[in-house]
Amino acid sequence: MSWEDTFKIFLSALTAMGGASIIIFAMSSWLGKVWASRILERDRLKYTTVLEDLKTQNQISIDKLNSSLEAANLKLTIAYGGIFEKQSNAILELYSKLLELELGANPRSLTEAQKWNDYKDQIREAANFYHKQRILIPKSLDEKILKAIEEAHAILAESTSGHTPAEFAHRFSEAKNIALFEMRKLLSVTVYSEPA
């Protein structure tokens, strides 16, 4: 055997083995892809099921929390809704009483005894109502209403001399307007600027 024959045999054997290895490589590659896709599909189904279970559990938890929040909100609405309504009614009535005091603070009419006594009764009525409703009134408004009532008392006290200076009526009007500004804020009415 010559070198040429040996080389041909070796090349033939190598080719035969290479062809088989190419076939084996192709088959194992195909088989690997099939197994990988099956494993991926199985994992995808498994994790899809797990994910759906988690979504369901989370939705149940969210529904329970929403239900608890709605119940708590309803309790607060019932508990505080009445208080806010009472506060609003008290503020509206206090403003009405301040208006009556402003209208009754006419310097000319307070010189008559009956008008003076009527004004004194209006102040007493406003002060009594104010003291009964104070629990519902925030401190910032409380001080302003008290200041307006004190100004009404000053008008009454000054009018005993038979003369009420216009500045007393003006100070009362300013105190009333400052209280009105605070009332509007509390009642969520649009307030454009603070009174001077």
C-alpha atoms as a PDB file:
ATOM      1  CA  MET A   1       0.000   0.000   0.000  1.00  0.00           C
ATOM      2  CA  SER A   2       1.261   3.207  -0.921  1.00  0.00           C
ATOM      3  CA  TRP A   3       0.951   6.456   0.721  1.00  0.00           C
ATOM      4  CA  GLU A   4      -1.685   7.452  -1.711  1.00  0.00           C
ATOM      5  CA  ASP A   5      -3.867   4.462  -0.921  1.00  0.00           C
ATOM      6  CA  THR A   6      -3.446   5.028   2.781  1.00  0.00           C
ATOM      7  CA  PHE A   7      -4.379   8.637   2.366  1.00  0.00           C
ATOM      8  CA  LYS A   8      -7.532   7.721   0.345  1.00  0.00           C
ATOM      9  CA  ILE A   9      -8.605   5.190   2.990  1.00  0.00           C
ATOM     10  CA  PHE A  10      -8.014   7.681   5.760  1.00  0.00           C
ATOM     11  CA  LEU A  11      -9.898  10.364   3.844  1.00  0.00           C
ATOM     12  CA  SER A  12     -12.772   7.938   3.143  1.00  0.00           C
ATOM     13  CA  ALA A  13     -12.983   6.974   6.808  1.00  0.00           C
ATOM     14  CA  LEU A  14     -12.827  10.575   7.863  1.00  0.00           C
ATOM     15  CA  THR A  15     -15.542  11.532   5.403  1.00  0.00           C
ATOM     16  CA  ALA A  16     -17.730   8.660   6.540  1.00  0.00           C
ATOM     17  CA  MET A  17     -17.267   9.653  10.163  1.00  0.00           C
ATOM     18  CA  GLY A  18     -17.727  13.340   9.371  1.00  0.00           C
ATOM     19  CA  GLY A  19     -20.961  12.689   7.547  1.00  0.00           C
ATOM     20  CA  ALA A  20     -22.220  10.675  10.472  1.00  0.00           C
ATOM     21  CA  SER A  21     -21.093  13.353  12.891  1.00  0.00           C
ATOM     22  CA  ILE A  22     -22.879  15.989  10.840  1.00  0.00           C
ATOM     23  CA  ILE A  23     -26.013  13.848  10.933  1.00  0.00           C
ATOM     24  CA  ILE A  24     -25.567  13.242  14.674  1.00  0.00           C
ATOM     25  CA  PHE A  25     -24.931  16.965  15.269  1.00  0.00           C
ATOM     26  CA  ALA A  26     -28.012  17.942  13.235  1.00  0.00           C
ATOM     27  CA  MET A  27     -30.182  15.384  15.038  1.00  0.00           C
ATOM     28  CA  SER A  28     -28.958  16.438  18.482  1.00  0.00           C
ATOM     29  CA  SER A  29     -29.479  20.092  17.584  1.00  0.00           C
ATOM     30  CA  TRP A  30     -33.035  19.385  16.448  1.00  0.00           C
ATOM     31  CA  LEU A  31     -33.709  17.232  19.521  1.00  0.00           C
ATOM     32  CA  GLY A  32     -32.306  19.985  21.769  1.00  0.00           C
ATOM     33  CA  LYS A  33     -34.607  22.568  20.214  1.00  0.00           C
ATOM     34  CA  VAL A  34     -37.622  20.281  20.647  1.00  0.00           C
ATOM     35  CA  TRP A  35     -36.772  19.626  24.298  1.00  0.00           C
ATOM     36  CA  ALA A  36     -36.055  23.304  24.957  1.00  0.00           C
ATOM     37  CA  SER A  37     -39.361  24.389  23.423  1.00  0.00           C
ATOM     38  CA  ARG A  38     -41.228  21.736  25.427  1.00  0.00           C
ATOM     39  CA  ILE A  39     -39.519  22.828  28.654  1.00  0.00           C
ATOM     40  CA  LEU A  40     -40.196  26.497  27.879  1.00  0.00           C
ATOM     41  CA  GLU A  41     -43.850  25.774  27.119  1.00  0.00           C
ATOM     42  CA  ARG A  42     -44.239  23.745  30.323  1.00  0.00           C
ATOM     43  CA  ASP A  43     -42.585  26.532  32.381  1.00  0.00           C
ATOM     44  CA  ARG A  44     -44.673  29.178  30.621  1.00  0.00           C
ATOM     45  CA  LEU A  45     -47.892  27.315  31.479  1.00  0.00           C
ATOM     46  CA  LYS A  46     -46.721  26.749  35.056  1.00  0.00           C
ATOM     47  CA  TYR A  47     -45.798  30.402  35.601  1.00  0.00           C
ATOM     48  CA  THR A  48     -48.916  31.628  33.830  1.00  0.00           C
ATOM     49  CA  THR A  49     -50.982  29.592  36.291  1.00  0.00           C
ATOM     50  CA  VAL A  50     -48.941  30.906  39.231  1.00  0.00           C
ATOM     51  CA  LEU A  51     -49.282  34.465  37.937  1.00  0.00           C
ATOM     52  CA  GLU A  52     -53.061  34.116  37.529  1.00  0.00           C
ATOM     53  CA  ASP A  53     -53.312  32.727  41.077  1.00  0.00           C
ATOM     54  CA  LEU A  54     -51.326  35.698  42.386  1.00  0.00           C
ATOM     55  CA  LYS A  55     -53.521  38.115  40.448  1.00  0.00           C
ATOM     56  CA  THR A  56     -56.626  36.485  41.893  1.00  0.00           C
ATOM     57  CA  GLN A  57     -55.238  36.597  45.434  1.00  0.00           C
ATOM     58  CA  ASN A  58     -54.183  40.234  45.012  1.00  0.00           C
ATOM     59  CA  GLN A  59     -57.588  41.182  43.623  1.00  0.00           C
ATOM     60  CA  ILE A  60     -59.273  39.504  46.594  1.00  0.00           C
ATOM     61  CA  SER A  61     -56.967  41.438  48.957  1.00  0.00           C
ATOM     62  CA  ILE A  62     -57.644  44.692  47.114  1.00  0.00           C
ATOM     63  CA  ASP A  63     -61.401  44.061  47.243  1.00  0.00           C
ATOM     64  CA  LYS A  64     -61.213  43.391  50.992  1.00  0.00           C
ATOM     65  CA  LEU A  65     -59.193  46.581  51.543  1.00  0.00           C
ATOM     66  CA  ASN A  66     -61.584  48.613  49.396  1.00  0.00           C
ATOM     67  CA  SER A  67     -64.498  47.201  51.343  1.00  0.00           C
ATOM     68  CA  SER A  68     -62.804  48.107  54.634  1.00  0.00           C
ATOM     69  CA  LEU A  69     -62.027  51.601  53.364  1.00  0.00           C
ATOM     70  CA  GLU A  70     -65.593  52.128  52.178  1.00  0.00           C
ATOM     71  CA  ALA A  71     -66.890  51.005  55.571  1.00  0.00           C
ATOM     72  CA  ALA A  72     -64.477  53.339  57.376  1.00  0.00           C
ATOM     73  CA  ASN A  73     -65.388  56.187  55.017  1.00  0.00           C
ATOM     74  CA  LEU A  74     -69.087  55.611  55.662  1.00  0.00           C
ATOM     75  CA  LYS A  75     -68.494  55.627  59.429  1.00  0.00           C
ATOM     76  CA  LEU A  76     -66.555  58.893  59.183  1.00  0.00           C
ATOM     77  CA  THR A  77     -69.171  60.437  56.924  1.00  0.00           C
ATOM     78  CA  ILE A  78     -71.903  59.516  59.382  1.00  0.00           C
ATOM     79  CA  ALA A  79     -69.837  60.602  62.385  1.00  0.00           C
ATOM     80  CA  TYR A  80     -68.550  63.895  61.017  1.00  0.00           C
ATOM     81  CA  GLY A  81     -71.146  64.743  58.401  1.00  0.00           C
ATOM     82  CA  GLY A  82     -73.540  65.909  61.084  1.00  0.00           C
ATOM     83  CA  ILE A  83     -70.844  67.969  62.750  1.00  0.00           C
ATOM     84  CA  PHE A  84     -69.934  69.755  59.530  1.00  0.00           C
ATOM     85  CA  GLU A  85     -73.584  70.488  58.867  1.00  0.00           C
ATOM     86  CA  LYS A  86     -73.995  71.839  62.400  1.00  0.00           C
ATOM     87  CA  GLN A  87     -70.839  73.930  61.982  1.00  0.00           C
ATOM     88  CA  SER A  88     -72.104  75.364  58.702  1.00  0.00           C
ATOM     89  CA  ASN A  89     -75.499  76.175  60.202  1.00  0.00           C
ATOM     90  CA  ALA A  90     -73.846  77.807  63.232  1.00  0.00           C
ATOM     91  CA  ILE A  91     -71.615  79.952  61.000  1.00  0.00           C
ATOM     92  CA  LEU A  92     -74.563  81.012  58.857  1.00  0.00           C
ATOM     93  CA  GLU A  93     -76.653  81.913  61.908  1.00  0.00           C
ATOM     94  CA  LEU A  94     -73.749  83.806  63.495  1.00  0.00           C
ATOM     95  CA  TYR A  95     -73.338  85.824  60.322  1.00  0.00           C
ATOM     96  CA  SER A  96     -77.043  86.591  60.344  1.00  0.00           C
ATOM     97  CA  LYS A  97     -76.747  87.843  63.923  1.00  0.00           C
ATOM     98  CA  LEU A  98     -73.729  89.984  63.018  1.00  0.00           C
ATOM     99  CA  LEU A  99     -75.739  91.537  60.186  1.00  0.00           C
ATOM    100  CA  GLU A 100     -78.565  92.333  62.591  1.00  0.00           C
ATOM    101  CA  LEU A 101     -76.046  93.997  64.914  1.00  0.00           C
ATOM    102  CA  GLU A 102     -74.604  96.001  62.041  1.00  0.00           C
ATOM    103  CA  LEU A 103     -78.057  97.170  60.955  1.00  0.00           C
ATOM    104  CA  GLY A 104     -78.998  98.022  64.541  1.00  0.00           C
ATOM    105  CA  ALA A 105     -75.829 100.074  65.096  1.00  0.00           C
ATOM    106  CA  ASN A 106     -77.332 103.190  63.536  1.00  0.00           C
ATOM    107  CA  PRO A 107     -75.909 106.060  65.641  1.00  0.00           C
ATOM    108  CA  ARG A 108     -79.092 108.148  65.322  1.00  0.00           C
ATOM    109  CA  SER A 109     -81.496 105.415  66.412  1.00  0.00           C
ATOM    110  CA  LEU A 110     -79.509 104.370  69.499  1.00  0.00           C
ATOM    111  CA  THR A 111     -80.349 107.652  71.175  1.00  0.00           C
ATOM    112  CA  GLU A 112     -83.915 106.414  71.725  1.00  0.00           C
ATOM    113  CA  ALA A 113     -84.278 104.291  74.874  1.00  0.00           C
ATOM    114  CA  GLN A 114     -86.306 101.523  73.210  1.00  0.00           C
ATOM    115  CA  LYS A 115     -83.874 101.229  70.278  1.00  0.00           C
ATOM    116  CA  TRP A 116     -80.964 101.178  72.716  1.00  0.00           C
ATOM    117  CA  ASN A 117     -82.615  98.366  74.724  1.00  0.00           C
ATOM    118  CA  ASP A 118     -83.440  96.466  71.524  1.00  0.00           C
ATOM    119  CA  TYR A 119     -79.815  96.739  70.428  1.00  0.00           C
ATOM    120  CA  LYS A 120     -78.642  95.559  73.848  1.00  0.00           C
ATOM    121  CA  ASP A 121     -80.968  92.540  73.511  1.00  0.00           C
ATOM    122  CA  GLN A 122     -79.611  91.840  70.011  1.00  0.00           C
ATOM    123  CA  ILE A 123     -76.070  91.873  71.368  1.00  0.00           C
ATOM    124  CA  ARG A 124     -77.060  89.572  74.225  1.00  0.00           C
ATOM    125  CA  GLU A 125     -78.829  87.200  71.831  1.00  0.00           C
ATOM    126  CA  ALA A 126     -75.836  87.153  69.462  1.00  0.00           C
ATOM    127  CA  ALA A 127     -73.386  86.658  72.364  1.00  0.00           C
ATOM    128  CA  ASN A 128     -75.474  83.833  73.860  1.00  0.00           C
ATOM    129  CA  PHE A 129     -75.764  82.084  70.508  1.00  0.00           C
ATOM    130  CA  TYR A 130     -72.042  82.579  69.930  1.00  0.00           C
ATOM    131  CA  HIS A 131     -71.129  81.042  73.308  1.00  0.00           C
ATOM    132  CA  LYS A 132     -73.427  78.055  72.735  1.00  0.00           C
ATOM    133  CA  GLN A 133     -71.939  77.389  69.286  1.00  0.00           C
ATOM    134  CA  ARG A 134     -68.292  78.082  70.125  1.00  0.00           C
ATOM    135  CA  ILE A 135     -67.470  74.385  70.271  1.00  0.00           C
ATOM    136  CA  LEU A 136     -68.208  74.126  66.549  1.00  0.00           C
ATOM    137  CA  ILE A 137     -66.224  77.201  65.551  1.00  0.00           C
ATOM    138  CA  PRO A 138     -62.507  77.057  64.746  1.00  0.00           C
ATOM    139  CA  LYS A 139     -60.291  79.273  66.886  1.00  0.00           C
ATOM    140  CA  SER A 140     -59.381  81.627  64.045  1.00  0.00           C
ATOM    141  CA  LEU A 141     -63.060  82.447  63.413  1.00  0.00           C
ATOM    142  CA  ASP A 142     -63.924  82.349  67.113  1.00  0.00           C
ATOM    143  CA  GLU A 143     -61.592  85.283  67.829  1.00  0.00           C
ATOM    144  CA  LYS A 144     -62.958  87.327  64.923  1.00  0.00           C
ATOM    145  CA  ILE A 145     -66.603  86.843  65.933  1.00  0.00           C
ATOM    146  CA  LEU A 146     -65.760  87.724  69.517  1.00  0.00           C
ATOM    147  CA  LYS A 147     -64.038  90.897  68.272  1.00  0.00           C
ATOM    148  CA  ALA A 148     -67.166  91.881  66.303  1.00  0.00           C
ATOM    149  CA  ILE A 149     -69.392  91.325  69.362  1.00  0.00           C
ATOM    150  CA  GLU A 150     -66.994  93.379  71.483  1.00  0.00           C
ATOM    151  CA  GLU A 151     -67.197  96.192  68.921  1.00  0.00           C
ATOM    152  CA  ALA A 152     -71.009  96.043  69.155  1.00  0.00           C
ATOM    153  CA  HIS A 153     -70.676  96.402  72.943  1.00  0.00           C
ATOM    154  CA  ALA A 154     -68.403  99.418  72.394  1.00  0.00           C
ATOM    155  CA  ILE A 155     -71.050 101.005  70.167  1.00  0.00           C
ATOM    156  CA  LEU A 156     -73.685 100.396  72.842  1.00  0.00           C
ATOM    157  CA  ALA A 157     -71.473 101.753  75.641  1.00  0.00           C
ATOM    158  CA  GLU A 158     -70.516 104.860  73.671  1.00  0.00           C
ATOM    159  CA  SER A 159     -74.127 105.572  72.721  1.00  0.00           C
ATOM    160  CA  THR A 160     -75.130 106.041  76.377  1.00  0.00           C
ATOM    161  CA  SER A 161     -73.739 109.549  76.085  1.00  0.00           C
ATOM    162  CA  GLY A 162     -76.271 110.156  73.363  1.00  0.00           C
ATOM    163  CA  HIS A 163     -73.683 110.137  70.599  1.00  0.00           C
ATOM    164  CA  THR A 164     -72.095 107.213  68.748  1.00  0.00           C
ATOM    165  CA  PRO A 165     -69.049 108.194  66.730  1.00  0.00           C
ATOM    166  CA  ALA A 166     -69.057 106.835  63.190  1.00  0.00           C
ATOM    167  CA  GLU A 167     -65.664 105.236  63.874  1.00  0.00           C
ATOM    168  CA  PHE A 168     -67.322 102.754  66.262  1.00  0.00           C
ATOM    169  CA  ALA A 169     -69.751 101.656  63.567  1.00  0.00           C
ATOM    170  CA  HIS A 170     -66.867 101.513  61.105  1.00  0.00           C
ATOM    171  CA  ARG A 171     -64.755  99.338  63.457  1.00  0.00           C
ATOM    172  CA  PHE A 172     -67.706  97.007  63.951  1.00  0.00           C
ATOM    173  CA  SER A 173     -68.203  96.775  60.178  1.00  0.00           C
ATOM    174  CA  GLU A 174     -64.509  95.957  59.695  1.00  0.00           C
ATOM    175  CA  ALA A 175     -64.636  93.281  62.410  1.00  0.00           C
ATOM    176  CA  LYS A 176     -67.746  91.796  60.787  1.00  0.00           C
ATOM    177  CA  ASN A 177     -66.081  91.760  57.361  1.00  0.00           C
ATOM    178  CA  ILE A 178     -62.987  90.031  58.742  1.00  0.00           C
ATOM    179  CA  ALA A 179     -65.238  87.404  60.360  1.00  0.00           C
ATOM    180  CA  LEU A 180     -67.125  87.062  57.052  1.00  0.00           C
ATOM    181  CA  PHE A 181     -63.839  86.441  55.220  1.00  0.00           C
ATOM    182  CA  GLU A 182     -62.965  83.633  57.650  1.00  0.00           C
ATOM    183  CA  MET A 183     -66.503  82.187  57.426  1.00  0.00           C
ATOM    184  CA  ARG A 184     -66.249  82.021  53.633  1.00  0.00           C
ATOM    185  CA  LYS A 185     -62.939  80.173  53.865  1.00  0.00           C
ATOM    186  CA  LEU A 186     -64.430  77.632  56.270  1.00  0.00           C
ATOM    187  CA  LEU A 187     -67.499  77.111  54.102  1.00  0.00           C
ATOM    188  CA  SER A 188     -65.267  76.656  51.039  1.00  0.00           C
ATOM    189  CA  VAL A 189     -66.716  79.680  49.324  1.00  0.00           C
ATOM    190  CA  THR A 190     -64.311  81.342  46.892  1.00  0.00           C
ATOM    191  CA  VAL A 191     -62.439  84.133  48.643  1.00  0.00           C
ATOM    192  CA  TYR A 192     -60.730  86.650  46.405  1.00  0.00           C
ATOM    193  CA  SER A 193     -58.767  88.780  48.813  1.00  0.00           C
ATOM    194  CA  GLU A 194     -58.439  89.345  52.530  1.00  0.00           C
ATOM    195  CA  PRO A 195     -60.361  92.341  53.884  1.00  0.00           C
ATOM    196  CA  ALA A 196     -58.276  95.428  54.578  1.00  0.00           C
END
